[in-house]
Amino acid sequence: MKIKIAGLGPGSIDNISFRAYKLLTSDEKIYIRTKDHPVIKELKDMGMKGTYLDYFYEENPSFEKVYENIAAFLIEKAKSENEIVYAVPGHPYVAESTVTILEQMAKDEGIDVEVYPSMSFIDAMFAAVKRDPSNGFELMDAFTIDEDNIEVNKDLVITQVYDDMTASDVKLKLMEVYDDEQEILLVKNAGIKETQLVKSVKLYEMDRNLWEYDHLTSIYIKSVNEKKFSSLKDLIEIVRTLRGENGCPWDKKQTHMSLKDHIVEEATEVKEAIENDDIDNLIEELGDVLLHIVFHSELGREDGYFNLRDVTDGISKKLIRRHPHVFTDLEIDEKDLPKMWENLKKMEKINKNIEK
């Protein structure tokens, strides 16, 4: 049994590889994820015949479920027909969730997979904006974009900006990390010479009816040097600079012992800010506490004993471990939570003693 996965390229027949073109115009049984792709008509004129899977989108409430169902459907077809072709937009390994799921299912079922790549929309995108991707970039999906993971010092490409509502949601998330006046490039039909469009707008203008969004629209933002907000990573770098060879003499000589009373003082000031309902001061004092956490973690890293990852990993695991009613299927009445917490804490102490 075998599944051959072919890329349809970003939108022009010129961007399909010769191997993929030969496969797509052959007599093999072909299943196509969507007919909503510019190259479909040309391929049909050249002899491609296939079954479109768009109906899966109408039957399922989420894209995740759609992708899983498409993959499961193709696995069953491979079993019954022995060999099939699955065609996807762009390059099979670039922003194509069904391929990732399908390959894992095929591996579990002992079905061979062979990939026939074509140009990806990333290649076409960078050609459209005339930018070298080797400088580093991030690729995000408009539906799953996480502003906390955006690194503004890298180019950013956002795909699947389908409509005005999606554009508005993306804009609000981007405004958390970029200046409202940040220039962005809206790119439609990348790689399709006759219809490719590139428009420069300000971030705040994204959803002001200056553009007709569709499934072939992506957003490109060039890397910037000045951040709207500093991140935890920035704070770590500042502390390392202060502790470095050309850093501050006072910071360089600090130890866990010399700082132990200061973090208590900062925590007390956080308490006072809360009691005074002073939000601005609360922000400042929480920053001071965070600085101490980072500082102690850096001291641990320098000594080779622990670092901030150990700290965040430890507390994350503890929270999950102590909340099985949230992170597992355990059902428990709220009145029984204190007793459960005490039992979990006792078990943790027992396990620690065993490990020692």
Protein backbone atom coordinates (compact mmCIF):
# COMPACT_ATOMS: atom_id res chain seq x y z
CA MET A 1 0.00 0.00 0.00
CA LYS A 2 1.21 3.48 -0.84
CA ILE A 3 0.10 7.10 -0.64
CA LYS A 4 1.76 9.56 -3.00
CA ILE A 5 1.49 13.16 -1.81
CA ALA A 6 1.84 15.83 -4.48
CA GLY A 7 2.22 19.57 -4.05
CA LEU A 8 0.09 21.87 -6.22
CA GLY A 9 2.45 24.81 -5.78
CA PRO A 10 1.42 28.29 -4.62
CA GLY A 11 -0.95 28.96 -7.50
CA SER A 12 0.69 28.90 -10.94
CA ILE A 13 1.26 25.90 -13.18
CA ASP A 14 4.81 27.19 -13.62
CA ASN A 15 5.54 26.49 -9.96
CA ILE A 16 4.59 22.81 -9.97
CA SER A 17 7.53 20.41 -10.17
CA PHE A 18 7.74 18.20 -13.25
CA ARG A 19 7.44 15.05 -11.11
CA ALA A 20 4.30 16.34 -9.41
CA TYR A 21 2.84 17.47 -12.75
CA LYS A 22 3.36 14.03 -14.30
CA LEU A 23 1.75 12.35 -11.31
CA LEU A 24 -1.24 14.70 -11.22
CA THR A 25 -1.98 14.23 -14.92
CA SER A 26 -1.60 10.45 -14.79
CA ASP A 27 -4.37 7.84 -14.60
CA GLU A 28 -3.81 7.17 -10.90
CA LYS A 29 -6.58 7.59 -8.35
CA ILE A 30 -6.25 11.19 -7.14
CA TYR A 31 -7.80 12.88 -4.10
CA ILE A 32 -7.48 16.66 -3.87
CA ARG A 33 -7.84 18.48 -0.54
CA THR A 34 -9.63 21.44 -2.07
CA LYS A 35 -10.77 22.62 -5.48
CA ASP A 36 -10.39 26.21 -4.23
CA HIS A 37 -6.93 26.63 -5.71
CA PRO A 38 -5.96 28.68 -8.81
CA VAL A 39 -4.06 25.87 -10.56
CA ILE A 40 -6.92 23.36 -10.52
CA LYS A 41 -8.54 24.60 -13.74
CA GLU A 42 -5.28 24.46 -15.67
CA LEU A 43 -4.54 20.95 -14.42
CA LYS A 44 -8.05 19.79 -15.34
CA ASP A 45 -7.53 21.18 -18.84
CA MET A 46 -4.32 19.15 -19.00
CA GLY A 47 -6.05 15.93 -18.03
CA MET A 48 -6.13 15.81 -14.23
CA LYS A 49 -9.09 13.92 -12.81
CA GLY A 50 -9.69 13.65 -9.11
CA THR A 51 -12.04 13.64 -6.15
CA TYR A 52 -12.26 16.85 -4.15
CA LEU A 53 -12.48 16.70 -0.36
CA ASP A 54 -14.06 20.10 0.31
CA TYR A 55 -17.15 18.48 1.79
CA PHE A 56 -15.14 17.60 4.90
CA TYR A 57 -15.05 21.32 5.74
CA GLU A 58 -18.84 21.49 5.68
CA GLU A 59 -19.28 18.45 7.93
CA ASN A 60 -16.92 19.41 10.78
CA PRO A 61 -16.88 22.33 13.24
CA SER A 62 -13.10 22.79 13.47
CA PHE A 63 -10.12 22.66 11.12
CA GLU A 64 -8.39 20.20 13.44
CA LYS A 65 -11.25 17.74 13.07
CA VAL A 66 -11.37 18.33 9.32
CA TYR A 67 -7.69 17.44 8.95
CA GLU A 68 -8.01 14.31 11.09
CA ASN A 69 -11.04 13.10 9.14
CA ILE A 70 -9.38 13.71 5.78
CA ALA A 71 -6.31 11.75 6.88
CA ALA A 72 -8.44 8.87 8.19
CA PHE A 73 -10.43 8.83 4.94
CA LEU A 74 -7.24 8.63 2.86
CA ILE A 75 -5.89 5.79 4.98
CA GLU A 76 -9.03 3.75 4.29
CA LYS A 77 -8.80 4.54 0.57
CA ALA A 78 -5.16 3.43 0.51
CA LYS A 79 -6.18 0.16 2.13
CA SER A 80 -8.99 -0.52 -0.33
CA GLU A 81 -7.29 0.79 -3.50
CA ASN A 82 -3.68 -0.14 -2.61
CA GLU A 83 -2.21 3.05 -4.10
CA ILE A 84 -3.60 6.59 -4.18
CA VAL A 85 -2.45 10.16 -4.82
CA TYR A 86 -3.23 13.00 -2.43
CA ALA A 87 -2.82 16.56 -3.77
CA VAL A 88 -2.38 19.57 -1.48
CA PRO A 89 -1.77 23.29 -2.10
CA GLY A 90 1.82 24.51 -2.09
CA HIS A 91 4.53 22.21 -0.75
CA PRO A 92 3.35 19.15 1.24
CA TYR A 93 5.66 19.96 4.14
CA VAL A 94 4.89 23.68 4.47
CA ALA A 95 1.86 24.64 6.59
CA GLU A 96 -0.05 21.51 5.55
CA SER A 97 -1.47 19.89 8.68
CA THR A 98 -3.19 17.03 6.85
CA VAL A 99 0.18 15.73 5.63
CA THR A 100 1.63 15.64 9.14
CA ILE A 101 -1.38 13.73 10.46
CA LEU A 102 -1.56 11.48 7.41
CA GLU A 103 2.10 10.46 7.62
CA GLN A 104 1.73 9.46 11.27
CA MET A 105 -1.41 7.43 10.53
CA ALA A 106 0.26 5.79 7.55
CA LYS A 107 3.26 4.84 9.68
CA ASP A 108 0.97 3.24 12.26
CA GLU A 109 -0.82 1.29 9.52
CA GLY A 110 2.33 0.22 7.67
CA ILE A 111 1.46 2.27 4.57
CA ASP A 112 4.31 3.73 2.50
CA VAL A 113 4.32 7.46 1.79
CA GLU A 114 6.13 9.15 -1.08
CA VAL A 115 6.21 12.92 -1.46
CA TYR A 116 6.29 14.83 -4.76
CA PRO A 117 7.10 18.42 -3.71
CA SER A 118 6.43 21.62 -5.62
CA MET A 119 7.31 25.22 -4.84
CA SER A 120 5.91 26.38 -1.50
CA PHE A 121 4.01 29.58 -0.97
CA ILE A 122 6.91 30.66 1.27
CA ASP A 123 9.21 30.78 -1.77
CA ALA A 124 6.62 32.77 -3.69
CA MET A 125 5.95 35.02 -0.71
CA PHE A 126 9.57 36.07 -0.24
CA ALA A 127 9.94 36.59 -3.96
CA ALA A 128 6.88 38.87 -3.87
CA VAL A 129 8.23 41.01 -1.01
CA LYS A 130 11.81 40.83 -2.34
CA ARG A 131 13.29 39.61 0.93
CA ASP A 132 15.92 36.95 1.69
CA PRO A 133 14.44 34.26 4.03
CA SER A 134 17.93 33.16 5.10
CA ASN A 135 17.98 36.19 7.39
CA GLY A 136 15.53 34.29 9.58
CA PHE A 137 11.73 34.35 9.76
CA GLU A 138 8.77 32.96 11.64
CA LEU A 139 5.75 31.33 10.02
CA MET A 140 2.42 31.49 11.83
CA ASP A 141 -1.17 30.55 11.06
CA ALA A 142 -3.79 33.30 11.45
CA PHE A 143 -6.02 30.92 13.43
CA THR A 144 -3.39 29.88 15.96
CA ILE A 145 -1.13 32.93 16.14
CA ASP A 146 0.27 33.47 19.64
CA GLU A 147 1.52 36.97 20.34
CA ASP A 148 3.63 35.71 23.23
CA ASN A 149 5.77 33.70 20.80
CA ILE A 150 6.36 36.44 18.24
CA GLU A 151 9.99 37.56 17.98
CA VAL A 152 9.91 40.95 16.31
CA ASN A 153 13.62 40.81 15.46
CA LYS A 154 12.71 38.20 12.82
CA ASP A 155 10.60 38.56 9.69
CA LEU A 156 7.05 37.31 10.25
CA VAL A 157 4.76 35.59 7.75
CA ILE A 158 1.13 34.95 8.69
CA THR A 159 -0.92 32.62 6.48
CA GLN A 160 -4.64 31.95 6.03
CA VAL A 161 -5.93 35.46 6.58
CA TYR A 162 -9.23 34.43 5.03
CA ASP A 163 -11.54 37.36 5.73
CA ASP A 164 -12.05 40.70 7.46
CA MET A 165 -12.90 39.09 10.80
CA THR A 166 -9.71 37.02 10.77
CA ALA A 167 -7.72 40.12 9.80
CA SER A 168 -9.22 42.04 12.72
CA ASP A 169 -8.34 39.27 15.18
CA VAL A 170 -4.79 39.11 13.85
CA LYS A 171 -4.43 42.89 14.07
CA LEU A 172 -5.39 42.95 17.75
CA LYS A 173 -2.81 40.27 18.56
CA LEU A 174 -0.08 41.97 16.54
CA MET A 175 -0.75 45.26 18.33
CA GLU A 176 0.36 43.56 21.53
CA VAL A 177 3.93 43.34 20.20
CA TYR A 178 4.22 45.86 17.32
CA ASP A 179 3.68 49.61 17.17
CA ASP A 180 0.31 50.62 15.74
CA GLU A 181 2.15 52.42 12.91
CA GLN A 182 4.17 49.34 11.97
CA GLU A 183 4.27 48.80 8.20
CA ILE A 184 2.89 45.48 7.06
CA LEU A 185 2.62 44.00 3.57
CA LEU A 186 -0.58 42.32 2.44
CA VAL A 187 0.20 39.73 -0.23
CA LYS A 188 -2.41 38.06 -2.40
CA ASN A 189 -1.87 35.32 -5.00
CA ALA A 190 1.87 35.07 -4.32
CA GLY A 191 3.57 33.31 -7.22
CA ILE A 192 0.76 33.95 -9.70
CA LYS A 193 2.32 36.51 -12.00
CA GLU A 194 -0.90 37.74 -13.60
CA THR A 195 -2.80 38.43 -10.36
CA GLN A 196 -0.19 38.82 -7.62
CA LEU A 197 -0.81 41.86 -5.42
CA VAL A 198 1.36 43.43 -2.73
CA LYS A 199 0.00 46.35 -0.67
CA SER A 200 1.72 48.26 2.12
CA VAL A 201 -0.50 49.46 4.99
CA LYS A 202 -0.08 50.46 8.62
CA LEU A 203 -0.94 47.83 11.20
CA TYR A 204 -3.90 49.79 12.56
CA GLU A 205 -5.35 49.94 9.03
CA MET A 206 -5.48 46.19 8.49
CA ASP A 207 -9.23 45.84 8.97
CA ARG A 208 -10.35 49.17 7.48
CA ASN A 209 -11.70 47.82 4.18
CA LEU A 210 -8.49 48.63 2.31
CA TRP A 211 -8.15 45.05 1.11
CA GLU A 212 -10.35 42.16 0.05
CA TYR A 213 -9.12 39.20 2.06
CA ASP A 214 -9.38 35.64 0.82
CA HIS A 215 -7.73 32.22 1.27
CA LEU A 216 -4.72 33.30 -0.80
CA THR A 217 -3.90 36.33 1.37
CA SER A 218 -0.88 36.34 3.68
CA ILE A 219 0.75 39.03 5.80
CA TYR A 220 4.44 39.87 5.85
CA ILE A 221 6.15 42.01 8.51
CA LYS A 222 9.82 42.90 8.25
CA SER A 223 11.97 42.47 11.36
CA VAL A 224 12.22 45.50 13.65
CA ASN A 225 14.92 46.58 16.09
CA GLU A 226 12.81 48.48 18.61
CA LYS A 227 10.28 46.43 20.56
CA LYS A 228 6.99 47.74 21.89
CA PHE A 229 7.48 45.68 25.05
CA SER A 230 10.48 43.90 26.55
CA SER A 231 10.18 40.15 27.07
CA LEU A 232 11.42 37.72 29.72
CA LYS A 233 14.23 36.86 27.32
CA ASP A 234 15.24 40.53 27.22
CA LEU A 235 15.30 40.67 31.03
CA ILE A 236 17.56 37.62 31.15
CA GLU A 237 19.97 39.25 28.70
CA ILE A 238 20.02 42.46 30.75
CA VAL A 239 20.88 40.53 33.93
CA ARG A 240 23.62 38.65 32.09
CA THR A 241 25.04 41.95 30.87
CA LEU A 242 24.99 43.36 34.39
CA ARG A 243 26.80 40.24 35.61
CA GLY A 244 29.18 40.19 32.65
CA GLU A 245 32.78 41.29 32.31
CA ASN A 246 31.86 44.91 31.58
CA GLY A 247 28.81 44.92 33.83
CA CYS A 248 27.96 46.64 37.12
CA PRO A 249 30.40 46.06 40.03
CA TRP A 250 27.51 45.77 42.54
CA ASP A 251 25.55 43.23 40.46
CA LYS A 252 28.68 41.19 39.75
CA LYS A 253 29.42 40.55 43.42
CA GLN A 254 25.90 39.51 44.48
CA THR A 255 25.17 35.97 45.71
CA HIS A 256 22.10 34.01 46.81
CA MET A 257 22.93 34.91 50.40
CA SER A 258 23.42 38.63 49.76
CA LEU A 259 20.06 38.88 48.00
CA LYS A 260 17.94 36.62 50.21
CA ASP A 261 16.45 39.44 52.31
CA HIS A 262 15.82 41.72 49.32
CA ILE A 263 13.28 39.40 47.71
CA VAL A 264 11.29 39.37 50.98
CA GLU A 265 11.27 43.19 50.95
CA GLU A 266 10.07 43.24 47.34
CA ALA A 267 7.31 40.73 48.09
CA THR A 268 6.18 42.93 50.99
CA GLU A 269 6.00 45.92 48.65
CA VAL A 270 3.85 43.86 46.26
CA LYS A 271 1.50 43.18 49.19
CA GLU A 272 1.32 46.89 50.03
CA ALA A 273 0.59 47.84 46.41
CA ILE A 274 -2.30 45.37 46.36
CA GLU A 275 -3.68 46.67 49.64
CA ASN A 276 -3.44 50.26 48.34
CA ASP A 277 -5.07 49.27 45.04
CA ASP A 278 -2.13 50.96 43.29
CA ILE A 279 -1.93 49.26 39.89
CA ASP A 280 1.04 51.23 38.57
CA ASN A 281 3.05 50.45 41.70
CA LEU A 282 1.92 46.83 41.60
CA ILE A 283 3.34 46.50 38.07
CA GLU A 284 6.64 47.99 39.24
CA GLU A 285 6.92 45.84 42.36
CA LEU A 286 6.02 42.63 40.51
CA GLY A 287 8.83 43.54 38.12
CA ASP A 288 11.22 43.80 41.06
CA VAL A 289 10.18 40.34 42.28
CA LEU A 290 10.59 38.94 38.77
CA LEU A 291 14.06 40.50 38.59
CA HIS A 292 15.07 38.59 41.73
CA ILE A 293 13.75 35.32 40.32
CA VAL A 294 15.75 35.85 37.13
CA PHE A 295 18.81 37.01 39.09
CA HIS A 296 18.83 33.93 41.35
CA SER A 297 18.29 31.71 38.30
CA GLU A 298 21.29 33.31 36.61
CA LEU A 299 23.41 32.72 39.70
CA GLY A 300 22.33 29.08 39.57
CA ARG A 301 23.22 28.88 35.89
CA GLU A 302 26.66 30.38 36.48
CA ASP A 303 27.32 27.84 39.24
CA GLY A 304 26.08 25.02 37.00
CA TYR A 305 23.32 23.87 39.38
CA PHE A 306 20.10 25.15 37.79
CA ASN A 307 18.68 27.82 35.50
CA LEU A 308 15.38 29.57 34.80
CA ARG A 309 14.18 26.64 32.69
CA ASP A 310 14.48 24.39 35.73
CA VAL A 311 12.44 26.88 37.74
CA THR A 312 9.63 27.26 35.19
CA ASP A 313 9.63 23.53 34.46
CA GLY A 314 9.40 22.68 38.13
CA ILE A 315 6.47 24.98 38.89
CA SER A 316 4.65 23.98 35.69
CA LYS A 317 4.86 20.30 36.56
CA LYS A 318 3.82 20.99 40.14
CA LEU A 319 0.73 22.92 39.04
CA ILE A 320 -0.31 20.14 36.66
CA ARG A 321 0.40 17.47 39.28
CA ARG A 322 -1.65 19.27 41.93
CA HIS A 323 -4.61 19.93 39.65
CA PRO A 324 -5.55 16.49 38.28
CA HIS A 325 -9.19 17.64 38.25
CA VAL A 326 -8.19 20.20 35.59
CA PHE A 327 -5.50 18.43 33.56
CA THR A 328 -6.92 14.87 33.68
CA ASP A 329 -10.37 13.30 33.63
CA LEU A 330 -10.57 13.19 37.43
CA GLU A 331 -13.89 14.48 38.78
CA ILE A 332 -13.90 15.85 42.32
CA ASP A 333 -16.20 17.98 44.43
CA GLU A 334 -14.84 21.41 45.35
CA LYS A 335 -15.20 20.68 49.07
CA ASP A 336 -12.78 17.75 48.69
CA LEU A 337 -10.05 19.83 47.05
CA PRO A 338 -8.16 20.81 50.26
CA LYS A 339 -7.88 17.17 51.34
CA MET A 340 -6.70 16.15 47.87
CA TRP A 341 -4.06 18.90 47.85
CA GLU A 342 -2.74 17.80 51.24
CA ASN A 343 -2.53 14.18 50.09
CA LEU A 344 -0.70 15.22 46.92
CA LYS A 345 1.78 17.30 48.92
CA LYS A 346 2.44 14.35 51.24
CA MET A 347 3.06 12.08 48.24
CA GLU A 348 5.50 14.62 46.80
CA LYS A 349 7.49 14.66 50.05
CA ILE A 350 7.56 10.85 50.13
CA ASN A 351 8.78 10.70 46.52
CA LYS A 352 11.47 13.31 47.21
CA ASN A 353 12.75 11.29 50.18
CA ILE A 354 12.81 8.12 48.06
CA GLU A 355 14.80 9.92 45.35
CA LYS A 356 17.34 11.08 47.94
